[in-house]
Amino acid sequence: MAGTVDTLLEFPCDFPLKVMGLADGALAQIVFGIVQRHAPDFDGASMEMRASSSGKYVSLTCTINATSRAQLDALYREISGHPAVKVVL
């Protein structure tokens, strides 16, 4: 069971990443650019978008083909550090 000490995930795997931010129109492009840097095979057409009931916020779900814990860590660090992003799950 080597490799399971620091993560319960087995790589490669489909990994859904949910990103929330203000619905200002630029969030989807920002998130797509960051995700594609870390997962070059990510298909932007698969991105799911939902607006909040008030329309002020939007959530984006990007399911990537995760290849390593290091890849996910780097993606989370970059995406959560962007000022347009409020929450990353």
Protein backbone atom coordinates (compact mmCIF):
# COMPACT_ATOMS: atom_id res chain seq x y z
CA MET A 1 0.00 0.00 0.00
CA ALA A 2 2.86 2.34 -0.75
CA GLY A 3 1.77 5.86 -1.61
CA THR A 4 -1.45 5.77 0.41
CA VAL A 5 0.02 7.35 3.53
CA ASP A 6 -0.45 10.98 2.43
CA THR A 7 -3.48 10.57 0.16
CA LEU A 8 -6.47 8.29 -0.22
CA LEU A 9 -6.61 8.95 -3.95
CA GLU A 10 -5.21 6.55 -6.51
CA PHE A 11 -3.70 8.30 -9.52
CA PRO A 12 -4.58 8.89 -12.25
CA CYS A 13 -8.20 9.67 -11.38
CA ASP A 14 -11.03 12.02 -12.30
CA PHE A 15 -11.00 14.81 -9.71
CA PRO A 16 -13.78 17.42 -9.48
CA LEU A 17 -12.62 20.88 -8.47
CA LYS A 18 -15.29 23.41 -7.45
CA VAL A 19 -14.39 27.10 -7.61
CA MET A 20 -16.61 29.95 -6.42
CA GLY A 21 -16.27 33.65 -7.07
CA LEU A 22 -18.08 36.79 -8.12
CA ALA A 23 -20.16 36.48 -11.29
CA ASP A 24 -18.30 39.20 -13.18
CA GLY A 25 -17.85 37.30 -16.42
CA ALA A 26 -14.08 36.86 -16.17
CA LEU A 27 -14.03 34.05 -13.59
CA ALA A 28 -14.58 31.20 -16.06
CA GLN A 29 -11.71 32.39 -18.30
CA ILE A 30 -9.40 32.85 -15.29
CA VAL A 31 -10.20 29.41 -13.88
CA PHE A 32 -9.88 27.75 -17.29
CA GLY A 33 -6.42 29.25 -17.80
CA ILE A 34 -5.16 28.13 -14.40
CA VAL A 35 -6.65 24.64 -14.65
CA GLN A 36 -5.23 24.12 -18.13
CA ARG A 37 -1.73 25.06 -16.95
CA HIS A 38 -1.85 22.23 -14.40
CA ALA A 39 -3.98 19.77 -16.42
CA PRO A 40 -3.22 20.42 -20.11
CA ASP A 41 -5.74 17.80 -21.25
CA PHE A 42 -8.65 19.58 -19.48
CA ASP A 43 -11.53 20.23 -21.87
CA GLY A 44 -13.08 23.62 -21.12
CA ALA A 45 -16.36 22.49 -22.68
CA SER A 46 -16.81 20.13 -19.72
CA MET A 47 -16.76 23.00 -17.19
CA GLU A 48 -20.06 23.26 -15.34
CA MET A 49 -21.30 26.69 -14.26
CA ARG A 50 -24.04 27.57 -11.77
CA ALA A 51 -25.13 31.00 -10.63
CA SER A 52 -26.17 31.67 -7.04
CA SER A 53 -29.82 32.46 -6.38
CA SER A 54 -28.97 36.16 -6.13
CA GLY A 55 -26.83 36.05 -9.26
CA LYS A 56 -23.93 37.70 -7.43
CA TYR A 57 -21.75 34.58 -7.32
CA VAL A 58 -21.02 31.70 -9.66
CA SER A 59 -19.63 28.24 -9.01
CA LEU A 60 -17.57 26.40 -11.58
CA THR A 61 -16.91 22.67 -11.49
CA CYS A 62 -13.90 21.44 -13.42
CA THR A 63 -13.26 17.69 -13.48
CA ILE A 64 -9.64 17.03 -14.32
CA ASN A 65 -7.61 13.92 -14.90
CA ALA A 66 -5.43 14.20 -11.79
CA THR A 67 -2.06 12.51 -12.13
CA SER A 68 -0.45 13.24 -8.74
CA ARG A 69 -0.90 14.82 -5.34
CA ALA A 70 1.77 17.39 -6.29
CA GLN A 71 -0.29 18.40 -9.34
CA LEU A 72 -3.42 18.91 -7.20
CA ASP A 73 -1.49 20.83 -4.53
CA ALA A 74 0.02 23.20 -7.10
CA LEU A 75 -3.38 23.71 -8.76
CA TYR A 76 -5.08 24.47 -5.43
CA ARG A 77 -2.31 26.90 -4.45
CA GLU A 78 -2.51 28.87 -7.68
CA ILE A 79 -6.28 28.93 -8.00
CA SER A 80 -6.98 29.80 -4.35
CA GLY A 81 -4.39 32.59 -4.55
CA HIS A 82 -6.19 34.41 -7.36
CA PRO A 83 -8.11 37.49 -6.16
CA ALA A 84 -11.21 36.62 -8.26
CA VAL A 85 -11.58 33.29 -6.45
CA LYS A 86 -13.45 33.25 -3.14
CA VAL A 87 -13.60 29.50 -2.33
CA VAL A 88 -12.05 26.33 -3.73
CA LEU A 89 -13.37 22.89 -2.78
